[in-house]
Amino acid sequence: MTKLFIKYISIILTIYLLSFVSHTIYIGSTQALLIMGLVLLAVNFLLKPILLLITLPASLLTFGLFSFIVNAWTIMIADYFVTDFSMGGFINSLLAAFIIVIIHHMLKDMNKGSI
């Protein structure tokens, strides 16, 4: 599996599982979930490096933990562009950012073991 596909699967899986835990996350259809994954990948590819550069001083002061805030912002930006989908605010986006990183690393480690 490629790195991009692993990231896409981790995004979709995290948002889907969080929709069961938090009732403020609304997924109107499977298509909206898949589009959200694609839009979030595009936002991460295009805007995240710029946001990380702008917030570099805060990230250095917090030893890199501010990058989770940037990840939550990218989720909120992607949420704005996808209709029939709602993350329900900053706290849900921050929680999703934490879990996406965890699931992404688990899937990446599983992929390394299969080669």
PDB file of N, CA and C in Angstrom:
ATOM      1  N   MET A   1       0.828  -1.177   0.000  1.00  0.00           N
ATOM      2  CA  MET A   1       0.000   0.000   0.000  1.00  0.00           C
ATOM      3  C   MET A   1       0.877   1.246   0.000  1.00  0.00           C
ATOM      4  N   THR A   2       0.412   2.248  -0.643  1.00  0.00           N
ATOM      5  CA  THR A   2       1.183   3.479  -0.693  1.00  0.00           C
ATOM      6  C   THR A   2       0.907   4.328   0.548  1.00  0.00           C
ATOM      7  N   LYS A   3       1.791   5.282   0.786  1.00  0.00           N
ATOM      8  CA  LYS A   3       1.642   6.163   1.942  1.00  0.00           C
ATOM      9  C   LYS A   3       0.362   6.991   1.851  1.00  0.00           C
ATOM     10  N   LEU A   4       0.047   7.445   0.656  1.00  0.00           N
ATOM     11  CA  LEU A   4      -1.142   8.258   0.459  1.00  0.00           C
ATOM     12  C   LEU A   4      -2.413   7.467   0.739  1.00  0.00           C
ATOM     13  N   PHE A   5      -2.446   6.222   0.287  1.00  0.00           N
ATOM     14  CA  PHE A   5      -3.606   5.371   0.514  1.00  0.00           C
ATOM     15  C   PHE A   5      -3.761   5.051   1.997  1.00  0.00           C
ATOM     16  N   ILE A   6      -2.658   4.815   2.690  1.00  0.00           N
ATOM     17  CA  ILE A   6      -2.705   4.552   4.129  1.00  0.00           C
ATOM     18  C   ILE A   6      -3.248   5.769   4.870  1.00  0.00           C
ATOM     19  N   LYS A   7      -2.807   6.948   4.479  1.00  0.00           N
ATOM     20  CA  LYS A   7      -3.301   8.182   5.106  1.00  0.00           C
ATOM     21  C   LYS A   7      -4.800   8.343   4.847  1.00  0.00           C
ATOM     22  N   TYR A   8      -5.238   8.050   3.615  1.00  0.00           N
ATOM     23  CA  TYR A   8      -6.654   8.166   3.253  1.00  0.00           C
ATOM     24  C   TYR A   8      -7.504   7.204   4.084  1.00  0.00           C
ATOM     25  N   ILE A   9      -7.055   5.973   4.216  1.00  0.00           N
ATOM     26  CA  ILE A   9      -7.790   4.979   5.000  1.00  0.00           C
ATOM     27  C   ILE A   9      -7.848   5.388   6.466  1.00  0.00           C
ATOM     28  N   SER A  10      -6.745   5.907   7.002  1.00  0.00           N
ATOM     29  CA  SER A  10      -6.744   6.311   8.410  1.00  0.00           C
ATOM     30  C   SER A  10      -7.686   7.486   8.648  1.00  0.00           C
ATOM     31  N   ILE A  11      -7.777   8.404   7.697  1.00  0.00           N
ATOM     32  CA  ILE A  11      -8.695   9.542   7.828  1.00  0.00           C
ATOM     33  C   ILE A  11     -10.144   9.054   7.832  1.00  0.00           C
ATOM     34  N   ILE A  12     -10.489   8.241   6.861  1.00  0.00           N
ATOM     35  CA  ILE A  12     -11.865   7.759   6.739  1.00  0.00           C
ATOM     36  C   ILE A  12     -12.256   6.901   7.938  1.00  0.00           C
ATOM     37  N   LEU A  13     -11.381   6.007   8.341  1.00  0.00           N
ATOM     38  CA  LEU A  13     -11.662   5.121   9.465  1.00  0.00           C
ATOM     39  C   LEU A  13     -11.850   5.911  10.755  1.00  0.00           C
ATOM     40  N   THR A  14     -10.999   6.890  10.994  1.00  0.00           N
ATOM     41  CA  THR A  14     -11.095   7.695  12.205  1.00  0.00           C
ATOM     42  C   THR A  14     -12.391   8.487  12.251  1.00  0.00           C
ATOM     43  N   ILE A  15     -12.713   9.157  11.169  1.00  0.00           N
ATOM     44  CA  ILE A  15     -13.929   9.974  11.164  1.00  0.00           C
ATOM     45  C   ILE A  15     -15.163   9.088  11.305  1.00  0.00           C
ATOM     46  N   TYR A  16     -15.156   7.938  10.658  1.00  0.00           N
ATOM     47  CA  TYR A  16     -16.296   7.029  10.762  1.00  0.00           C
ATOM     48  C   TYR A  16     -16.469   6.517  12.189  1.00  0.00           C
ATOM     49  N   LEU A  17     -15.374   6.108  12.827  1.00  0.00           N
ATOM     50  CA  LEU A  17     -15.465   5.605  14.197  1.00  0.00           C
ATOM     51  C   LEU A  17     -15.828   6.710  15.182  1.00  0.00           C
ATOM     52  N   LEU A  18     -15.327   7.910  14.963  1.00  0.00           N
ATOM     53  CA  LEU A  18     -15.676   9.022  15.846  1.00  0.00           C
ATOM     54  C   LEU A  18     -17.142   9.421  15.723  1.00  0.00           C
ATOM     55  N   SER A  19     -17.739   9.161  14.570  1.00  0.00           N
ATOM     56  CA  SER A  19     -19.160   9.497  14.417  1.00  0.00           C
ATOM     57  C   SER A  19     -20.035   8.629  15.312  1.00  0.00           C
ATOM     58  N   PHE A  20     -19.541   7.447  15.693  1.00  0.00           N
ATOM     59  CA  PHE A  20     -20.288   6.611  16.634  1.00  0.00           C
ATOM     60  C   PHE A  20     -20.127   7.110  18.065  1.00  0.00           C
ATOM     61  N   VAL A  21     -18.961   7.643  18.383  1.00  0.00           N
ATOM     62  CA  VAL A  21     -18.675   8.089  19.746  1.00  0.00           C
ATOM     63  C   VAL A  21     -19.285   9.456  20.012  1.00  0.00           C
ATOM     64  N   SER A  22     -19.114  10.372  19.091  1.00  0.00           N
ATOM     65  CA  SER A  22     -19.600  11.735  19.276  1.00  0.00           C
ATOM     66  C   SER A  22     -20.817  11.964  18.383  1.00  0.00           C
ATOM     67  N   HIS A  23     -21.899  12.354  18.991  1.00  0.00           N
ATOM     68  CA  HIS A  23     -23.131  12.553  18.227  1.00  0.00           C
ATOM     69  C   HIS A  23     -23.165  13.893  17.513  1.00  0.00           C
ATOM     70  N   THR A  24     -22.143  14.731  17.724  1.00  0.00           N
ATOM     71  CA  THR A  24     -22.094  16.013  17.023  1.00  0.00           C
ATOM     72  C   THR A  24     -21.442  15.883  15.647  1.00  0.00           C
ATOM     73  N   ILE A  25     -20.802  14.754  15.381  1.00  0.00           N
ATOM     74  CA  ILE A  25     -20.232  14.515  14.051  1.00  0.00           C
ATOM     75  C   ILE A  25     -21.333  13.930  13.178  1.00  0.00           C
ATOM     76  N   TYR A  26     -21.623  14.616  12.078  1.00  0.00           N
ATOM     77  CA  TYR A  26     -22.703  14.200  11.190  1.00  0.00           C
ATOM     78  C   TYR A  26     -22.132  13.789   9.848  1.00  0.00           C
ATOM     79  N   ILE A  27     -22.406  12.554   9.450  1.00  0.00           N
ATOM     80  CA  ILE A  27     -22.029  12.049   8.129  1.00  0.00           C
ATOM     81  C   ILE A  27     -23.330  11.725   7.405  1.00  0.00           C
ATOM     82  N   GLY A  28     -23.643  12.505   6.379  1.00  0.00           N
ATOM     83  CA  GLY A  28     -24.895  12.336   5.662  1.00  0.00           C
ATOM     84  C   GLY A  28     -24.936  11.097   4.784  1.00  0.00           C
ATOM     85  N   SER A  29     -23.803  10.733   4.205  1.00  0.00           N
ATOM     86  CA  SER A  29     -23.760   9.575   3.325  1.00  0.00           C
ATOM     87  C   SER A  29     -22.327   9.056   3.253  1.00  0.00           C
ATOM     88  N   THR A  30     -22.206   7.865   2.685  1.00  0.00           N
ATOM     89  CA  THR A  30     -20.876   7.292   2.489  1.00  0.00           C
ATOM     90  C   THR A  30     -20.077   8.129   1.507  1.00  0.00           C
ATOM     91  N   GLN A  31     -20.752   8.652   0.525  1.00  0.00           N
ATOM     92  CA  GLN A  31     -20.088   9.503  -0.463  1.00  0.00           C
ATOM     93  C   GLN A  31     -19.516  10.758   0.196  1.00  0.00           C
ATOM     94  N   ALA A  32     -20.242  11.340   1.138  1.00  0.00           N
ATOM     95  CA  ALA A  32     -19.742  12.523   1.846  1.00  0.00           C
ATOM     96  C   ALA A  32     -18.496  12.187   2.658  1.00  0.00           C
ATOM     97  N   LEU A  33     -18.470  10.995   3.261  1.00  0.00           N
ATOM     98  CA  LEU A  33     -17.297  10.559   4.021  1.00  0.00           C
ATOM     99  C   LEU A  33     -16.089  10.376   3.109  1.00  0.00           C
ATOM    100  N   LEU A  34     -16.297   9.756   1.958  1.00  0.00           N
ATOM    101  CA  LEU A  34     -15.194   9.539   1.015  1.00  0.00           C
ATOM    102  C   LEU A  34     -14.679  10.864   0.445  1.00  0.00           C
ATOM    103  N   ILE A  35     -15.596  11.779   0.164  1.00  0.00           N
ATOM    104  CA  ILE A  35     -15.191  13.098  -0.339  1.00  0.00           C
ATOM    105  C   ILE A  35     -14.444  13.861   0.745  1.00  0.00           C
ATOM    106  N   MET A  36     -14.884  13.735   1.988  1.00  0.00           N
ATOM    107  CA  MET A  36     -14.182  14.401   3.092  1.00  0.00           C
ATOM    108  C   MET A  36     -12.748  13.907   3.188  1.00  0.00           C
ATOM    109  N   GLY A  37     -12.540  12.616   3.008  1.00  0.00           N
ATOM    110  CA  GLY A  37     -11.184  12.078   3.028  1.00  0.00           C
ATOM    111  C   GLY A  37     -10.324  12.663   1.928  1.00  0.00           C
ATOM    112  N   LEU A  38     -10.888  12.780   0.727  1.00  0.00           N
ATOM    113  CA  LEU A  38     -10.137  13.354  -0.392  1.00  0.00           C
ATOM    114  C   LEU A  38      -9.852  14.836  -0.194  1.00  0.00           C
ATOM    115  N   VAL A  39     -10.851  15.572   0.296  1.00  0.00           N
ATOM    116  CA  VAL A  39     -10.659  17.001   0.518  1.00  0.00           C
ATOM    117  C   VAL A  39      -9.624  17.229   1.624  1.00  0.00           C
ATOM    118  N   LEU A  40      -9.670  16.415   2.675  1.00  0.00           N
ATOM    119  CA  LEU A  40      -8.689  16.563   3.746  1.00  0.00           C
ATOM    120  C   LEU A  40      -7.281  16.230   3.259  1.00  0.00           C
ATOM    121  N   LEU A  41      -7.152  15.245   2.395  1.00  0.00           N
ATOM    122  CA  LEU A  41      -5.834  14.962   1.802  1.00  0.00           C
ATOM    123  C   LEU A  41      -5.335  16.153   0.993  1.00  0.00           C
ATOM    124  N   ALA A  42      -6.225  16.769   0.210  1.00  0.00           N
ATOM    125  CA  ALA A  42      -5.832  17.931  -0.594  1.00  0.00           C
ATOM    126  C   ALA A  42      -5.456  19.118   0.292  1.00  0.00           C
ATOM    127  N   VAL A  43      -6.230  19.357   1.347  1.00  0.00           N
ATOM    128  CA  VAL A  43      -5.914  20.457   2.267  1.00  0.00           C
ATOM    129  C   VAL A  43      -4.588  20.200   2.970  1.00  0.00           C
ATOM    130  N   ASN A  44      -4.359  18.942   3.372  1.00  0.00           N
ATOM    131  CA  ASN A  44      -3.082  18.605   4.009  1.00  0.00           C
ATOM    132  C   ASN A  44      -1.911  18.794   3.052  1.00  0.00           C
ATOM    133  N   PHE A  45      -2.139  18.511   1.797  1.00  0.00           N
ATOM    134  CA  PHE A  45      -1.065  18.632   0.807  1.00  0.00           C
ATOM    135  C   PHE A  45      -0.787  20.090   0.443  1.00  0.00           C
ATOM    136  N   LEU A  46      -1.839  20.897   0.337  1.00  0.00           N
ATOM    137  CA  LEU A  46      -1.677  22.273  -0.141  1.00  0.00           C
ATOM    138  C   LEU A  46      -1.500  23.302   0.980  1.00  0.00           C
ATOM    139  N   LEU A  47      -2.342  23.254   2.001  1.00  0.00           N
ATOM    140  CA  LEU A  47      -2.342  24.304   3.009  1.00  0.00           C
ATOM    141  C   LEU A  47      -1.537  23.990   4.264  1.00  0.00           C
ATOM    142  N   LYS A  48      -1.440  22.722   4.619  1.00  0.00           N
ATOM    143  CA  LYS A  48      -0.776  22.371   5.874  1.00  0.00           C
ATOM    144  C   LYS A  48       0.680  22.831   5.940  1.00  0.00           C
ATOM    145  N   PRO A  49       1.482  22.691   4.885  1.00  0.00           N
ATOM    146  CA  PRO A  49       2.858  23.204   4.985  1.00  0.00           C
ATOM    147  C   PRO A  49       2.928  24.711   5.236  1.00  0.00           C
ATOM    148  N   ILE A  50       2.002  25.451   4.648  1.00  0.00           N
ATOM    149  CA  ILE A  50       1.969  26.905   4.855  1.00  0.00           C
ATOM    150  C   ILE A  50       1.580  27.215   6.295  1.00  0.00           C
ATOM    151  N   LEU A  51       0.563  26.521   6.807  1.00  0.00           N
ATOM    152  CA  LEU A  51       0.136  26.736   8.183  1.00  0.00           C
ATOM    153  C   LEU A  51       1.232  26.350   9.177  1.00  0.00           C
ATOM    154  N   LEU A  52       1.939  25.250   8.899  1.00  0.00           N
ATOM    155  CA  LEU A  52       3.027  24.844   9.785  1.00  0.00           C
ATOM    156  C   LEU A  52       4.163  25.860   9.782  1.00  0.00           C
ATOM    157  N   LEU A  53       4.431  26.464   8.635  1.00  0.00           N
ATOM    158  CA  LEU A  53       5.476  27.481   8.564  1.00  0.00           C
ATOM    159  C   LEU A  53       5.070  28.742   9.322  1.00  0.00           C
ATOM    160  N   ILE A  54       3.818  29.140   9.188  1.00  0.00           N
ATOM    161  CA  ILE A  54       3.328  30.330   9.889  1.00  0.00           C
ATOM    162  C   ILE A  54       3.346  30.118  11.405  1.00  0.00           C
ATOM    163  N   THR A  55       3.009  28.914  11.845  1.00  0.00           N
ATOM    164  CA  THR A  55       2.925  28.626  13.278  1.00  0.00           C
ATOM    165  C   THR A  55       4.198  28.009  13.833  1.00  0.00           C
ATOM    166  N   LEU A  56       5.292  28.114  13.116  1.00  0.00           N
ATOM    167  CA  LEU A  56       6.549  27.525  13.566  1.00  0.00           C
ATOM    168  C   LEU A  56       6.996  28.018  14.941  1.00  0.00           C
ATOM    169  N   PRO A  57       6.918  29.320  15.248  1.00  0.00           N
ATOM    170  CA  PRO A  57       7.329  29.744  16.600  1.00  0.00           C
ATOM    171  C   PRO A  57       6.508  29.086  17.713  1.00  0.00           C
ATOM    172  N   ALA A  58       5.205  28.997  17.533  1.00  0.00           N
ATOM    173  CA  ALA A  58       4.359  28.348  18.544  1.00  0.00           C
ATOM    174  C   ALA A  58       4.670  26.864  18.633  1.00  0.00           C
ATOM    175  N   SER A  59       4.969  26.254  17.513  1.00  0.00           N
ATOM    176  CA  SER A  59       5.307  24.835  17.503  1.00  0.00           C
ATOM    177  C   SER A  59       6.636  24.586  18.209  1.00  0.00           C
ATOM    178  N   LEU A  60       7.582  25.479  18.029  1.00  0.00           N
ATOM    179  CA  LEU A  60       8.870  25.337  18.718  1.00  0.00           C
ATOM    180  C   LEU A  60       8.708  25.518  20.227  1.00  0.00           C
ATOM    181  N   LEU A  61       7.867  26.459  20.640  1.00  0.00           N
ATOM    182  CA  LEU A  61       7.644  26.695  22.065  1.00  0.00           C
ATOM    183  C   LEU A  61       6.946  25.526  22.747  1.00  0.00           C
ATOM    184  N   THR A  62       6.108  24.816  22.001  1.00  0.00           N
ATOM    185  CA  THR A  62       5.363  23.692  22.581  1.00  0.00           C
ATOM    186  C   THR A  62       5.977  22.345  22.207  1.00  0.00           C
ATOM    187  N   PHE A  63       7.205  22.367  21.714  1.00  0.00           N
ATOM    188  CA  PHE A  63       7.919  21.144  21.316  1.00  0.00           C
ATOM    189  C   PHE A  63       7.144  20.313  20.301  1.00  0.00           C
ATOM    190  N   GLY A  64       6.470  20.973  19.376  1.00  0.00           N
ATOM    191  CA  GLY A  64       5.780  20.312  18.284  1.00  0.00           C
ATOM    192  C   GLY A  64       4.331  19.956  18.548  1.00  0.00           C
ATOM    193  N   LEU A  65       3.860  20.157  19.771  1.00  0.00           N
ATOM    194  CA  LEU A  65       2.468  19.807  20.072  1.00  0.00           C
ATOM    195  C   LEU A  65       1.459  20.728  19.391  1.00  0.00           C
ATOM    196  N   PHE A  66       1.903  21.913  18.996  1.00  0.00           N
ATOM    197  CA  PHE A  66       0.997  22.830  18.303  1.00  0.00           C
ATOM    198  C   PHE A  66       0.620  22.295  16.928  1.00  0.00           C
ATOM    199  N   SER A  67       1.364  21.337  16.421  1.00  0.00           N
ATOM    200  CA  SER A  67       1.021  20.751  15.116  1.00  0.00           C
ATOM    201  C   SER A  67      -0.331  20.041  15.168  1.00  0.00           C
ATOM    202  N   PHE A  68      -0.738  19.563  16.351  1.00  0.00           N
ATOM    203  CA  PHE A  68      -2.073  18.970  16.472  1.00  0.00           C
ATOM    204  C   PHE A  68      -3.157  20.030  16.274  1.00  0.00           C
ATOM    205  N   ILE A  69      -2.889  21.252  16.720  1.00  0.00           N
ATOM    206  CA  ILE A  69      -3.826  22.348  16.499  1.00  0.00           C
ATOM    207  C   ILE A  69      -3.927  22.634  15.002  1.00  0.00           C
ATOM    208  N   VAL A  70      -2.797  22.620  14.323  1.00  0.00           N
ATOM    209  CA  VAL A  70      -2.790  22.844  12.874  1.00  0.00           C
ATOM    210  C   VAL A  70      -3.558  21.721  12.176  1.00  0.00           C
ATOM    211  N   ASN A  71      -3.384  20.488  12.628  1.00  0.00           N
ATOM    212  CA  ASN A  71      -4.140  19.369  12.055  1.00  0.00           C
ATOM    213  C   ASN A  71      -5.642  19.556  12.264  1.00  0.00           C
ATOM    214  N   ALA A  72      -6.025  20.033  13.439  1.00  0.00           N
ATOM    215  CA  ALA A  72      -7.450  20.293  13.698  1.00  0.00           C
ATOM    216  C   ALA A  72      -7.966  21.401  12.782  1.00  0.00           C
ATOM    217  N   TRP A  73      -7.145  22.428  12.548  1.00  0.00           N
ATOM    218  CA  TRP A  73      -7.551  23.496  11.628  1.00  0.00           C
ATOM    219  C   TRP A  73      -7.765  22.954  10.218  1.00  0.00           C
ATOM    220  N   THR A  74      -6.873  22.065   9.764  1.00  0.00           N
ATOM    221  CA  THR A  74      -7.039  21.515   8.412  1.00  0.00           C
ATOM    222  C   THR A  74      -8.311  20.675   8.318  1.00  0.00           C
ATOM    223  N   ILE A  75      -8.651  19.974   9.386  1.00  0.00           N
ATOM    224  CA  ILE A  75      -9.898  19.204   9.388  1.00  0.00           C
ATOM    225  C   ILE A  75     -11.096  20.147   9.317  1.00  0.00           C
ATOM    226  N   MET A  76     -11.027  21.258  10.047  1.00  0.00           N
ATOM    227  CA  MET A  76     -12.124  22.222  10.015  1.00  0.00           C
ATOM    228  C   MET A  76     -12.236  22.900   8.652  1.00  0.00           C
ATOM    229  N   ILE A  77     -11.103  23.165   8.009  1.00  0.00           N
ATOM    230  CA  ILE A  77     -11.124  23.749   6.660  1.00  0.00           C
ATOM    231  C   ILE A  77     -11.759  22.772   5.676  1.00  0.00           C
ATOM    232  N   ALA A  78     -11.368  21.507   5.745  1.00  0.00           N
ATOM    233  CA  ALA A  78     -11.949  20.496   4.854  1.00  0.00           C
ATOM    234  C   ALA A  78     -13.437  20.328   5.130  1.00  0.00           C
ATOM    235  N   ASP A  79     -13.834  20.398   6.392  1.00  0.00           N
ATOM    236  CA  ASP A  79     -15.239  20.289   6.766  1.00  0.00           C
ATOM    237  C   ASP A  79     -16.065  21.408   6.131  1.00  0.00           C
ATOM    238  N   TYR A  80     -15.487  22.579   6.012  1.00  0.00           N
ATOM    239  CA  TYR A  80     -16.180  23.714   5.411  1.00  0.00           C
ATOM    240  C   TYR A  80     -16.524  23.458   3.943  1.00  0.00           C
ATOM    241  N   PHE A  81     -15.669  22.734   3.235  1.00  0.00           N
ATOM    242  CA  PHE A  81     -15.851  22.526   1.798  1.00  0.00           C
ATOM    243  C   PHE A  81     -16.728  21.324   1.446  1.00  0.00           C
ATOM    244  N   VAL A  82     -17.014  20.452   2.395  1.00  0.00           N
ATOM    245  CA  VAL A  82     -17.788  19.242   2.105  1.00  0.00           C
ATOM    246  C   VAL A  82     -19.219  19.434   2.595  1.00  0.00           C
ATOM    247  N   THR A  83     -20.168  19.284   1.671  1.00  0.00           N
ATOM    248  CA  THR A  83     -21.571  19.369   2.064  1.00  0.00           C
ATOM    249  C   THR A  83     -22.030  18.017   2.592  1.00  0.00           C
ATOM    250  N   ASP A  84     -23.101  18.023   3.364  1.00  0.00           N
ATOM    251  CA  ASP A  84     -23.682  16.815   3.947  1.00  0.00           C
ATOM    252  C   ASP A  84     -22.733  16.146   4.934  1.00  0.00           C
ATOM    253  N   PHE A  85     -21.896  16.973   5.582  1.00  0.00           N
ATOM    254  CA  PHE A  85     -20.914  16.471   6.531  1.00  0.00           C
ATOM    255  C   PHE A  85     -20.611  17.577   7.531  1.00  0.00           C
ATOM    256  N   SER A  86     -20.488  17.223   8.808  1.00  0.00           N
ATOM    257  CA  SER A  86     -20.149  18.215   9.828  1.00  0.00           C
ATOM    258  C   SER A  86     -19.331  17.553  10.935  1.00  0.00           C
ATOM    259  N   MET A  87     -18.213  18.160  11.278  1.00  0.00           N
ATOM    260  CA  MET A  87     -17.370  17.640  12.357  1.00  0.00           C
ATOM    261  C   MET A  87     -17.864  18.086  13.725  1.00  0.00           C
ATOM    262  N   GLY A  88     -18.607  19.148  13.806  1.00  0.00           N
ATOM    263  CA  GLY A  88     -19.168  19.557  15.078  1.00  0.00           C
ATOM    264  C   GLY A  88     -18.279  20.438  15.929  1.00  0.00           C
ATOM    265  N   GLY A  89     -17.258  21.034  15.343  1.00  0.00           N
ATOM    266  CA  GLY A  89     -16.463  21.998  16.096  1.00  0.00           C
ATOM    267  C   GLY A  89     -15.006  21.628  16.271  1.00  0.00           C
ATOM    268  N   PHE A  90     -14.329  22.495  17.022  1.00  0.00           N
ATOM    269  CA  PHE A  90     -12.879  22.379  17.179  1.00  0.00           C
ATOM    270  C   PHE A  90     -12.478  21.167  18.018  1.00  0.00           C
ATOM    271  N   ILE A  91     -13.201  20.887  19.084  1.00  0.00           N
ATOM    272  CA  ILE A  91     -12.821  19.779  19.971  1.00  0.00           C
ATOM    273  C   ILE A  91     -12.891  18.444  19.232  1.00  0.00           C
ATOM    274  N   ASN A  92     -13.941  18.231  18.454  1.00  0.00           N
ATOM    275  CA  ASN A  92     -14.043  16.998  17.664  1.00  0.00           C
ATOM    276  C   ASN A  92     -12.934  16.929  16.618  1.00  0.00           C
ATOM    277  N   SER A  93     -12.597  18.068  16.024  1.00  0.00           N
ATOM    278  CA  SER A  93     -11.521  18.091  15.039  1.00  0.00           C
ATOM    279  C   SER A  93     -10.182  17.786  15.693  1.00  0.00           C
ATOM    280  N   LEU A  94      -9.963  18.304  16.893  1.00  0.00           N
ATOM    281  CA  LEU A  94      -8.721  18.028  17.610  1.00  0.00           C
ATOM    282  C   LEU A  94      -8.635  16.556  18.002  1.00  0.00           C
ATOM    283  N   LEU A  95      -9.735  15.997  18.460  1.00  0.00           N
ATOM    284  CA  LEU A  95      -9.769  14.575  18.791  1.00  0.00           C
ATOM    285  C   LEU A  95      -9.514  13.727  17.549  1.00  0.00           C
ATOM    286  N   ALA A  96     -10.111  14.112  16.441  1.00  0.00           N
ATOM    287  CA  ALA A  96      -9.886  13.393  15.187  1.00  0.00           C
ATOM    288  C   ALA A  96      -8.426  13.493  14.763  1.00  0.00           C
ATOM    289  N   ALA A  97      -7.804  14.654  14.970  1.00  0.00           N
ATOM    290  CA  ALA A  97      -6.397  14.822  14.605  1.00  0.00           C
ATOM    291  C   ALA A  97      -5.509  13.866  15.403  1.00  0.00           C
ATOM    292  N   PHE A  98      -5.771  13.737  16.711  1.00  0.00           N
ATOM    293  CA  PHE A  98      -5.004  12.803  17.533  1.00  0.00           C
ATOM    294  C   PHE A  98      -5.177  11.371  17.050  1.00  0.00           C
ATOM    295  N   ILE A  99      -6.404  10.974  16.813  1.00  0.00           N
ATOM    296  CA  ILE A  99      -6.682   9.577  16.462  1.00  0.00           C
ATOM    297  C   ILE A  99      -6.211   9.264  15.045  1.00  0.00           C
ATOM    298  N   ILE A 100      -6.298  10.221  14.132  1.00  0.00           N
ATOM    299  CA  ILE A 100      -5.789  10.001  12.773  1.00  0.00           C
ATOM    300  C   ILE A 100      -4.301   9.701  12.819  1.00  0.00           C
ATOM    301  N   VAL A 101      -3.563  10.430  13.628  1.00  0.00           N
ATOM    302  CA  VAL A 101      -2.117  10.189  13.744  1.00  0.00           C
ATOM    303  C   VAL A 101      -1.859   8.796  14.304  1.00  0.00           C
ATOM    304  N   ILE A 102      -2.598   8.404  15.316  1.00  0.00           N
ATOM    305  CA  ILE A 102      -2.402   7.077  15.926  1.00  0.00           C
ATOM    306  C   ILE A 102      -2.722   5.966  14.934  1.00  0.00           C
ATOM    307  N   ILE A 103      -3.874   6.049  14.282  1.00  0.00           N
ATOM    308  CA  ILE A 103      -4.270   5.005  13.329  1.00  0.00           C
ATOM    309  C   ILE A 103      -3.328   4.981  12.130  1.00  0.00           C
ATOM    310  N   HIS A 104      -2.894   6.160  11.676  1.00  0.00           N
ATOM    311  CA  HIS A 104      -1.969   6.223  10.547  1.00  0.00           C
ATOM    312  C   HIS A 104      -0.660   5.500  10.882  1.00  0.00           C
ATOM    313  N   HIS A 105      -0.138   5.721  12.073  1.00  0.00           N
ATOM    314  CA  HIS A 105       1.108   5.049  12.454  1.00  0.00           C
ATOM    315  C   HIS A 105       0.911   3.545  12.644  1.00  0.00           C
ATOM    316  N   MET A 106      -0.252   3.141  13.153  1.00  0.00           N
ATOM    317  CA  MET A 106      -0.525   1.710  13.289  1.00  0.00           C
ATOM    318  C   MET A 106      -0.603   1.042  11.919  1.00  0.00           C
ATOM    319  N   LEU A 107      -1.309   1.662  10.978  1.00  0.00           N
ATOM    320  CA  LEU A 107      -1.414   1.097   9.627  1.00  0.00           C
ATOM    321  C   LEU A 107      -0.059   1.090   8.921  1.00  0.00           C
ATOM    322  N   LYS A 108       0.723   2.137   9.147  1.00  0.00           N
ATOM    323  CA  LYS A 108       2.045   2.208   8.529  1.00  0.00           C
ATOM    324  C   LYS A 108       2.949   1.115   9.073  1.00  0.00           C
ATOM    325  N   ASP A 109       2.873   0.860  10.380  1.00  0.00           N
ATOM    326  CA  ASP A 109       3.688  -0.202  10.985  1.00  0.00           C
ATOM    327  C   ASP A 109       3.239  -1.579  10.516  1.00  0.00           C
ATOM    328  N   MET A 110       1.919  -1.770  10.352  1.00  0.00           N
ATOM    329  CA  MET A 110       1.427  -3.042   9.844  1.00  0.00           C
ATOM    330  C   MET A 110       1.899  -3.268   8.414  1.00  0.00           C
ATOM    331  N   ASN A 111       1.961  -2.214   7.617  1.00  0.00           N
ATOM    332  CA  ASN A 111       2.398  -2.321   6.231  1.00  0.00           C
ATOM    333  C   ASN A 111       3.889  -2.666   6.163  1.00  0.00           C
ATOM    334  N   LYS A 112       4.694  -2.145   7.071  1.00  0.00           N
ATOM    335  CA  LYS A 112       6.123  -2.459   7.088  1.00  0.00           C
ATOM    336  C   LYS A 112       6.352  -3.925   7.425  1.00  0.00           C
ATOM    337  N   GLY A 113       5.528  -4.472   8.308  1.00  0.00           N
ATOM    338  CA  GLY A 113       5.686  -5.864   8.706  1.00  0.00           C
ATOM    339  C   GLY A 113       5.307  -6.847   7.619  1.00  0.00           C
ATOM    340  N   SER A 114       4.472  -6.435   6.671  1.00  0.00           N
ATOM    341  CA  SER A 114       4.015  -7.367   5.634  1.00  0.00           C
ATOM    342  C   SER A 114       4.970  -7.447   4.446  1.00  0.00           C
ATOM    343  N   ILE A 115       5.938  -6.568   4.392  1.00  0.00           N
ATOM    344  CA  ILE A 115       6.859  -6.569   3.235  1.00  0.00           C
ATOM    345  C   ILE A 115       7.987  -7.534   3.456  1.00  0.00           C
TER     346      ILE A 115
END
